[in-house]
Protein backbone atom coordinates (compact mmCIF):
# COMPACT_ATOMS: atom_id res chain seq x y z
CA MET A 1 21.80 0.19 9.88
CA PRO A 2 19.79 -3.08 10.14
CA ASP A 3 18.56 -4.76 7.02
CA GLU A 4 14.88 -3.85 6.66
CA MET A 5 14.14 -6.77 4.31
CA ALA A 6 15.48 -9.32 6.81
CA ARG A 7 12.77 -8.52 9.33
CA PRO A 8 9.70 -10.79 9.40
CA LEU A 9 6.34 -9.36 8.48
CA ILE A 10 4.67 -10.46 11.71
CA ARG A 11 6.58 -11.34 14.81
CA GLY A 12 5.36 -14.01 17.17
CA ARG A 13 3.25 -13.33 20.19
CA GLY A 14 4.58 -13.43 23.70
CA GLY A 15 8.26 -13.86 24.34
CA GLY A 16 10.59 -12.13 26.74
CA GLY A 17 10.42 -8.50 27.77
CA GLY A 18 6.85 -8.71 28.98
CA GLY A 19 5.59 -6.28 26.39
CA SER A 20 3.94 -6.26 23.00
CA ARG A 21 6.13 -6.64 19.98
CA HIS A 22 5.26 -4.29 17.17
CA LEU A 23 6.59 -3.93 13.66
CA GLU A 24 8.08 -0.61 12.71
CA ALA A 25 5.96 -0.82 9.55
CA SER A 26 2.82 -1.42 11.57
CA VAL A 27 2.81 2.05 13.12
CA SER A 28 -0.13 3.73 11.39
CA GLU A 29 0.54 7.05 9.71
CA PRO A 30 -1.41 10.15 10.73
CA GLY A 31 -4.61 10.39 8.72
CA ALA A 32 -4.44 6.77 7.53
CA PRO A 33 -7.88 5.14 7.44
CA VAL A 34 -8.83 2.45 9.91
CA ILE A 35 -9.33 -0.78 7.98
CA GLY A 36 -12.06 -3.15 9.11
CA ILE A 37 -12.39 -6.83 8.19
CA LEU A 38 -15.65 -8.72 8.63
CA GLY A 39 -14.84 -12.42 8.82
CA THR A 40 -12.17 -14.59 10.42
CA GLY A 41 -11.27 -17.12 7.72
CA ASP A 42 -7.88 -17.81 6.14
CA PHE A 43 -8.22 -14.89 3.75
CA SER A 44 -9.12 -12.52 6.59
CA ARG A 45 -6.09 -13.57 8.64
CA SER A 46 -3.69 -13.16 5.71
CA LEU A 47 -5.25 -9.83 4.79
CA ALA A 48 -4.89 -8.59 8.36
CA ARG A 49 -1.21 -9.55 8.40
CA ARG A 50 -0.54 -7.72 5.14
CA LEU A 51 -2.44 -4.61 6.23
CA VAL A 52 -0.62 -4.48 9.56
CA ALA A 53 2.73 -4.87 7.79
CA SER A 54 1.73 -2.04 5.44
CA GLY A 55 1.18 0.33 8.34
CA TYR A 56 -2.59 0.30 8.70
CA GLN A 57 -4.60 0.13 11.88
CA VAL A 58 -6.74 -2.99 11.54
CA VAL A 59 -9.91 -3.94 13.40
CA VAL A 60 -11.47 -7.36 12.80
CA GLY A 61 -15.16 -8.04 13.33
CA SER A 62 -16.01 -11.53 14.53
CA ARG A 63 -19.06 -13.28 15.94
CA ALA A 64 -16.74 -14.90 18.53
CA PRO A 65 -13.96 -12.37 19.26
CA LYS A 66 -12.48 -14.26 22.22
CA ARG A 67 -12.10 -17.47 20.24
CA SER A 68 -10.73 -15.79 17.09
CA GLY A 69 -8.37 -13.31 18.76
CA ALA A 70 -5.41 -15.69 18.93
CA LEU A 71 -5.53 -16.31 15.15
CA PHE A 72 -4.73 -12.71 14.20
CA PRO A 73 -1.58 -10.63 14.64
CA GLU A 74 -1.19 -8.87 17.94
CA GLU A 75 -1.37 -5.46 16.30
CA ALA A 76 -4.88 -6.12 14.95
CA GLU A 77 -7.84 -5.57 17.26
CA VAL A 78 -10.40 -8.40 17.21
CA THR A 79 -13.83 -7.30 18.38
CA SER A 80 -17.50 -7.72 17.54
CA GLN A 81 -18.81 -7.03 14.05
CA MET A 82 -20.79 -4.00 15.19
CA GLU A 83 -17.78 -2.48 16.95
CA ALA A 84 -15.56 -3.10 13.93
CA ALA A 85 -18.13 -1.51 11.59
CA ASN A 86 -18.32 1.57 13.84
CA GLN A 87 -14.55 2.02 14.09
CA ALA A 88 -13.52 1.32 10.49
CA ASP A 89 -13.39 3.83 7.66
CA LEU A 90 -13.01 1.14 4.99
CA VAL A 91 -14.39 -2.37 5.46
CA PHE A 92 -13.44 -5.64 3.76
CA VAL A 93 -16.43 -7.97 3.60
CA ALA A 94 -14.71 -11.38 3.83
CA VAL A 95 -17.70 -13.64 4.42
CA PHE A 96 -19.40 -16.08 2.08
CA PRO A 97 -21.87 -14.41 -0.31
CA GLU A 98 -24.77 -16.44 1.04
CA HIS A 99 -24.08 -14.91 4.48
CA HIS A 100 -24.16 -11.28 3.32
CA SER A 101 -27.74 -11.01 4.55
CA THR A 102 -26.57 -11.64 8.12
CA LEU A 103 -24.76 -8.29 8.04
CA VAL A 104 -27.92 -6.24 7.46
CA GLU A 105 -28.00 -5.21 11.12
CA LEU A 106 -24.71 -3.36 10.48
CA LYS A 107 -26.36 -1.13 7.87
CA PRO A 108 -26.49 2.03 10.07
CA ALA A 109 -22.84 1.61 11.09
CA LEU A 110 -21.69 1.04 7.49
CA ALA A 111 -23.64 3.91 5.95
CA GLY A 112 -21.39 6.23 3.93
CA LYS A 113 -18.40 3.87 4.16
CA THR A 114 -16.51 1.90 1.53
CA LEU A 115 -17.18 -1.84 1.40
CA VAL A 116 -14.74 -4.10 -0.45
CA ASP A 117 -16.33 -7.36 -1.59
CA VAL A 118 -13.72 -10.12 -1.89
CA SER A 119 -16.11 -13.03 -2.51
CA ASN A 120 -16.01 -15.53 -5.36
CA GLY A 121 -18.64 -17.80 -6.86
CA LEU A 122 -18.61 -21.56 -7.15
CA GLN A 123 -19.29 -21.60 -10.88
CA ILE A 124 -19.06 -19.26 -13.85
CA LYS A 125 -22.10 -16.99 -14.14
CA LEU A 126 -23.00 -15.54 -17.51
CA ASP A 127 -25.86 -13.39 -16.24
CA GLY A 128 -26.05 -11.11 -13.20
CA PRO A 129 -26.47 -9.92 -10.65
CA SER A 130 -22.99 -10.46 -9.23
CA HIS A 131 -22.23 -10.89 -5.55
CA ALA A 132 -20.97 -7.31 -5.40
CA GLU A 133 -24.16 -5.97 -6.97
CA GLN A 134 -26.23 -7.95 -4.48
CA LEU A 135 -24.14 -6.51 -1.66
CA ALA A 136 -24.73 -3.01 -3.05
CA ASP A 137 -28.48 -3.68 -3.01
CA LEU A 138 -28.27 -4.74 0.64
CA PHE A 139 -26.27 -1.62 1.59
CA PRO A 140 -27.52 1.18 -0.67
CA GLU A 141 -26.01 3.89 1.55
CA SER A 142 -22.52 2.37 1.32
CA PHE A 143 -20.02 2.46 -1.55
CA VAL A 144 -19.24 -1.06 -2.76
CA VAL A 145 -15.93 -1.86 -4.47
CA LYS A 146 -15.26 -5.25 -6.01
CA GLY A 147 -11.67 -6.39 -5.65
CA PHE A 148 -9.01 -8.66 -4.11
CA ASN A 149 -10.97 -11.78 -5.13
CA THR A 150 -8.20 -12.82 -7.55
CA ILE A 151 -5.55 -12.61 -4.82
CA SER A 152 -5.02 -15.75 -2.75
CA ALA A 153 -4.43 -15.87 0.98
CA TRP A 154 -0.93 -17.21 0.29
CA THR A 155 -0.07 -14.20 -1.87
CA LEU A 156 -1.33 -11.83 0.81
CA GLN A 157 0.70 -13.56 3.50
CA MET A 158 3.95 -13.98 1.57
CA GLY A 159 3.77 -10.72 -0.36
CA PRO A 160 3.20 -9.79 -4.01
CA ARG A 161 6.61 -11.13 -5.02
CA ASP A 162 5.26 -14.69 -4.80
CA GLY A 163 2.10 -14.22 -6.83
CA SER A 164 0.25 -11.98 -9.21
CA ARG A 165 0.64 -8.29 -8.44
CA GLN A 166 -2.53 -7.21 -10.21
CA VAL A 167 -5.71 -6.43 -8.27
CA PHE A 168 -8.80 -5.89 -10.42
CA LEU A 169 -11.17 -3.23 -9.04
CA CYS A 170 -14.51 -1.82 -10.08
CA SER A 171 -17.05 0.44 -8.42
CA ASP A 172 -19.72 3.02 -9.16
CA SER A 173 -18.00 5.44 -6.76
CA HIS A 174 -14.81 6.99 -8.09
CA LYS A 175 -13.78 8.22 -4.64
CA ALA A 176 -14.21 4.80 -3.02
CA LYS A 177 -12.32 3.12 -5.86
CA SER A 178 -9.48 5.63 -5.58
CA SER A 179 -9.11 4.97 -1.85
CA VAL A 180 -8.90 1.20 -2.47
CA MET A 181 -6.36 1.80 -5.25
CA GLN A 182 -4.20 3.78 -2.84
CA LEU A 183 -4.46 0.94 -0.33
CA CYS A 184 -3.42 -1.57 -3.04
CA ARG A 185 -0.30 0.40 -3.93
CA ARG A 186 0.69 0.71 -0.30
CA MET A 187 0.35 -3.06 0.10
CA GLY A 188 2.66 -3.59 -2.89
CA PHE A 189 0.06 -4.55 -5.49
CA VAL A 190 -0.87 -2.98 -8.82
CA PRO A 191 -4.51 -1.89 -9.06
CA VAL A 192 -6.29 -2.36 -12.39
CA ASP A 193 -9.39 -0.20 -12.94
CA MET A 194 -12.14 -2.29 -14.55
CA GLY A 195 -14.74 0.47 -14.59
CA LEU A 196 -18.18 0.45 -13.02
CA LEU A 197 -19.64 -2.14 -10.68
CA SER A 198 -21.37 -3.78 -13.63
CA SER A 199 -17.94 -5.27 -14.45
CA SER A 200 -17.90 -7.15 -11.14
CA LEU A 201 -19.38 -10.28 -12.72
CA GLU A 202 -16.41 -10.51 -15.07
CA ILE A 203 -13.99 -10.07 -12.16
CA GLU A 204 -15.76 -12.76 -10.13
CA ASN A 205 -15.48 -15.20 -13.04
CA LEU A 206 -11.73 -14.69 -13.50
CA PRO A 207 -10.55 -17.16 -10.81
CA LEU A 208 -12.89 -19.85 -12.19
CA TYR A 209 -11.32 -20.05 -15.64
CA LEU A 210 -8.94 -23.03 -15.88
CA PHE A 211 -5.78 -22.09 -17.81
CA PRO A 212 -7.54 -19.69 -20.20
CA SER A 213 -4.38 -19.00 -22.22
CA TRP A 214 -3.74 -22.73 -22.72
CA ARG A 215 -7.09 -23.65 -24.22
CA ILE A 216 -6.32 -22.95 -27.89
CA PRO A 217 -2.71 -24.33 -27.87
CA ILE A 218 -3.81 -27.60 -26.23
CA LEU A 219 -6.75 -27.92 -28.62
CA CYS A 220 -4.44 -27.36 -31.61
CA THR A 221 -2.01 -29.96 -30.26
CA LEU A 222 -4.73 -32.56 -29.85
CA LEU A 223 -6.24 -31.91 -33.29
CA LEU A 224 -2.84 -32.11 -34.98
CA PHE A 225 -2.02 -35.31 -33.12
CA ILE A 226 -5.30 -36.92 -34.19
CA PHE A 227 -4.78 -35.84 -37.81
CA PHE A 228 -1.21 -37.11 -38.10
CA TYR A 229 -1.96 -40.29 -36.16
CA LEU A 230 -4.85 -41.18 -38.46
CA TYR A 231 -2.68 -40.43 -41.49
CA ASN A 232 0.19 -42.65 -40.25
CA PHE A 233 -2.25 -45.37 -39.18
CA THR A 234 -3.85 -45.42 -42.64
CA ARG A 235 -0.51 -45.41 -44.47
CA ASP A 236 1.57 -47.81 -42.34
CA ILE A 237 -1.01 -50.18 -40.81
CA LEU A 238 -4.36 -50.15 -42.57
CA GLN A 239 -3.09 -50.01 -46.16
CA PRO A 240 -0.71 -53.04 -45.86
CA TYR A 241 -3.48 -55.01 -44.16
CA ILE A 242 -6.01 -54.30 -46.92
CA LYS A 243 -3.61 -54.83 -49.83
CA SER A 244 -1.56 -57.84 -48.73
CA GLY A 245 -3.23 -59.00 -45.53
CA LYS A 246 -0.12 -58.13 -43.50
CA SER A 247 -1.07 -57.46 -39.88
CA VAL A 248 1.15 -54.87 -38.18
CA PHE A 249 -1.34 -53.57 -35.64
CA TYR A 250 1.27 -54.05 -32.91
CA LYS A 251 2.85 -50.81 -34.14
CA MET A 252 -0.13 -48.70 -33.01
CA PRO A 253 0.79 -47.96 -29.36
CA ILE A 254 4.49 -47.12 -29.82
CA GLU A 255 5.82 -46.86 -33.36
CA THR A 256 2.84 -45.01 -34.86
CA VAL A 257 2.73 -42.61 -31.93
CA ASN A 258 6.48 -42.08 -32.20
CA VAL A 259 6.17 -41.18 -35.87
CA THR A 260 3.28 -38.81 -35.12
CA LEU A 261 4.89 -36.80 -32.30
CA PRO A 262 7.70 -35.10 -34.30
CA SER A 263 5.22 -33.99 -36.96
CA VAL A 264 3.07 -32.34 -34.30
CA ALA A 265 6.13 -30.77 -32.65
CA LEU A 266 7.33 -29.23 -35.91
CA VAL A 267 3.92 -27.81 -36.82
CA MET A 268 3.47 -26.37 -33.32
CA LEU A 269 6.94 -24.83 -33.53
CA ALA A 270 5.97 -23.27 -36.87
CA LEU A 271 2.88 -21.79 -35.18
CA VAL A 272 5.22 -20.05 -32.73
CA TYR A 273 7.03 -18.07 -35.42
CA LEU A 274 4.25 -17.64 -37.96
CA PRO A 275 2.36 -14.83 -36.13
CA GLY A 276 5.56 -12.78 -35.98
CA LEU A 277 5.78 -12.93 -39.78
CA PHE A 278 2.16 -11.85 -40.10
CA ALA A 279 2.77 -8.97 -37.69
CA ALA A 280 5.86 -7.81 -39.60
CA PHE A 281 3.97 -7.99 -42.90
CA LEU A 282 1.09 -5.90 -41.51
CA GLN A 283 3.46 -3.27 -40.15
CA LEU A 284 5.19 -3.01 -43.53
CA TRP A 285 1.82 -2.86 -45.28
CA TRP A 286 0.53 -0.11 -42.98
CA GLY A 287 3.84 1.76 -42.98
CA THR A 288 3.75 2.17 -39.19
CA LYS A 289 4.18 0.07 -36.04
CA TYR A 290 1.63 2.01 -34.00
CA ASN A 291 -1.55 0.48 -35.43
CA ARG A 292 -3.25 -2.13 -33.30
CA PHE A 293 -3.14 -5.71 -34.58
CA PRO A 294 -6.41 -7.56 -35.21
CA ASN A 295 -7.77 -9.39 -32.18
CA TRP A 296 -7.06 -12.85 -33.61
CA LEU A 297 -3.43 -11.93 -34.30
CA ASP A 298 -3.05 -10.26 -30.92
CA ARG A 299 -4.27 -13.41 -29.14
CA TRP A 300 -1.99 -15.52 -31.31
CA LEU A 301 1.04 -13.38 -30.46
CA THR A 302 0.35 -13.50 -26.73
CA GLY A 303 -0.07 -17.29 -26.88
CA ARG A 304 3.26 -18.08 -28.52
CA LYS A 305 4.81 -19.24 -25.25
CA GLN A 306 2.08 -21.84 -24.78
CA PHE A 307 2.46 -23.04 -28.38
CA GLY A 308 6.21 -23.38 -27.86
CA LEU A 309 5.81 -25.36 -24.64
CA CYS A 310 3.36 -27.73 -26.32
CA SER A 311 5.87 -28.23 -29.11
CA PHE A 312 8.60 -28.94 -26.56
CA LEU A 313 6.36 -31.46 -24.80
CA CYS A 314 5.80 -33.36 -28.04
CA ALA A 315 9.55 -33.36 -28.72
CA VAL A 316 10.29 -34.74 -25.24
CA LEU A 317 7.67 -37.47 -25.65
CA HIS A 318 9.19 -38.34 -29.03
CA ALA A 319 12.60 -38.75 -27.35
CA ILE A 320 11.09 -40.99 -24.65
CA TYR A 321 9.28 -43.15 -27.22
CA SER A 322 12.47 -43.41 -29.29
CA LEU A 323 14.29 -44.78 -26.25
CA CYS A 324 11.50 -47.29 -25.70
CA LEU A 325 11.77 -48.75 -29.20
CA PRO A 326 15.22 -50.44 -28.75
CA LEU A 327 14.09 -51.83 -25.41
CA ARG A 328 11.00 -53.28 -27.05
CA LYS A 329 13.02 -54.83 -29.88
CA SER A 330 15.58 -56.19 -27.40
CA ALA A 331 12.84 -57.85 -25.35
CA HIS A 332 11.36 -59.29 -28.55
CA PHE A 333 14.79 -60.68 -29.57
CA LYS A 334 15.32 -62.26 -26.14
CA LEU A 335 11.90 -63.88 -26.30
CA LEU A 336 12.58 -65.35 -29.77
CA ASN A 337 16.04 -66.52 -28.71
CA ALA A 338 14.63 -68.32 -25.66
CA ALA A 339 11.94 -69.95 -27.79
CA PHE A 340 14.54 -71.05 -30.36
CA LYS A 341 16.72 -72.61 -27.67
CA GLN A 342 13.74 -74.43 -26.22
CA VAL A 343 12.75 -75.88 -29.60
CA ARG A 344 16.34 -76.84 -30.36
CA GLY A 345 16.66 -78.65 -27.04
CA ARG A 346 13.50 -80.66 -27.68
CA SER A 347 14.71 -81.67 -31.15
CA ARG A 348 17.96 -83.04 -29.66
CA ARG A 349 16.04 -85.13 -27.15
CA VAL A 350 13.95 -86.65 -29.91
CA ARG A 351 17.07 -87.69 -31.78
C-alpha cells in the first residue's frame, strides 16, 4: 500500500501520458458543496490548492480567466466571476475591501449563498463598521461569514502543521457558520466560534497586533533595566564624582550595564515563578481548583514563557558583556605598555 503522506498536495501540470493528473483526495464527494473563490491573488491560489487537496470542487472567478488559469491547480476551474458565482454554493470573497463594490453586479447570483470574507484592514479600527459588515450591507440577501483572515497563504499551501490551526469565525447565520466550520475541519483546521458578525471587527484586528503576548514582559524588562541602571549609575559613578571628584564615567557603557543585567535577569526569573505561588495560595484559600483565576493572574500565568525568555536574554547579554571586560582591560594594558616603552625609549635618548 503506497504511503499517502508521501504524495504531493498538487501535482504539476502536463507531463507524460497525455492526460490530466488528479489527486485521489481531489475527487469531490457526493453532496459536497461547490466552493467558489472570487479573486486570483496569492491567497486565492493557496486556498484553491488546499480546497482541491481536501476533496472539494473549486471554481475560481476572475476578470481575466485566460490569463489567470495557469496560476491555479488543474483541478480548479477558472472562469468569469459571474459564472463562478452561479456555480458555487459557498463563495470566498478574496478581493481587497475597497473593491467589494465592484461585485455588486453579482448580487442576483449570490443571493441566498454563503459569502466568506477573508479581508484584512491596514490599521487597527476601534469603531465599526468592519469590512464584513460592509459586505453584508452590499449583499443583504446573502449570508456573510467572517473568517480565514488570520490564516496566511503559506499556511494554506503547506498545511496546518506549519502554522496556526485556529480559524476564527463569526456570522449572524448559524447555518452558514456551521457549513464553514465543517469546511475548516475538512481542511485540517480548528474552527473557533466568535459569535455574531458584530465580532468581525475584533477578528479583523487580530493580525494587526504586533506580539500582543510580549508587550507586558518587554515593558517590565525595560523598566527594570532603567531602574537598576540608574541605581548603579548613582552608586558607582555619580556618588564618587560628587564626593571626591573621581571621574569613572568610562564605566557607563560596559561595566554599569554588566552589573545591571543580572539584577534584571533574576527579577524577571522571579516573575516567572511568582504567579504559580499566587495561584496555589488562591486554590488553597478557596478549597477547590475549579474556580477561575482573576483576569490579571490569568494573563500573568499565560505570559510566564515570555517572562522566562526575557530573563534568559538578559543572562546571555550578561555573559557576553562579561567576556568583553577582560578584552577591554587587555587592550587598556597593551596601550599603557606601549606608551611606557615609548617614554622609556625617549628618556634613554636624552641621556
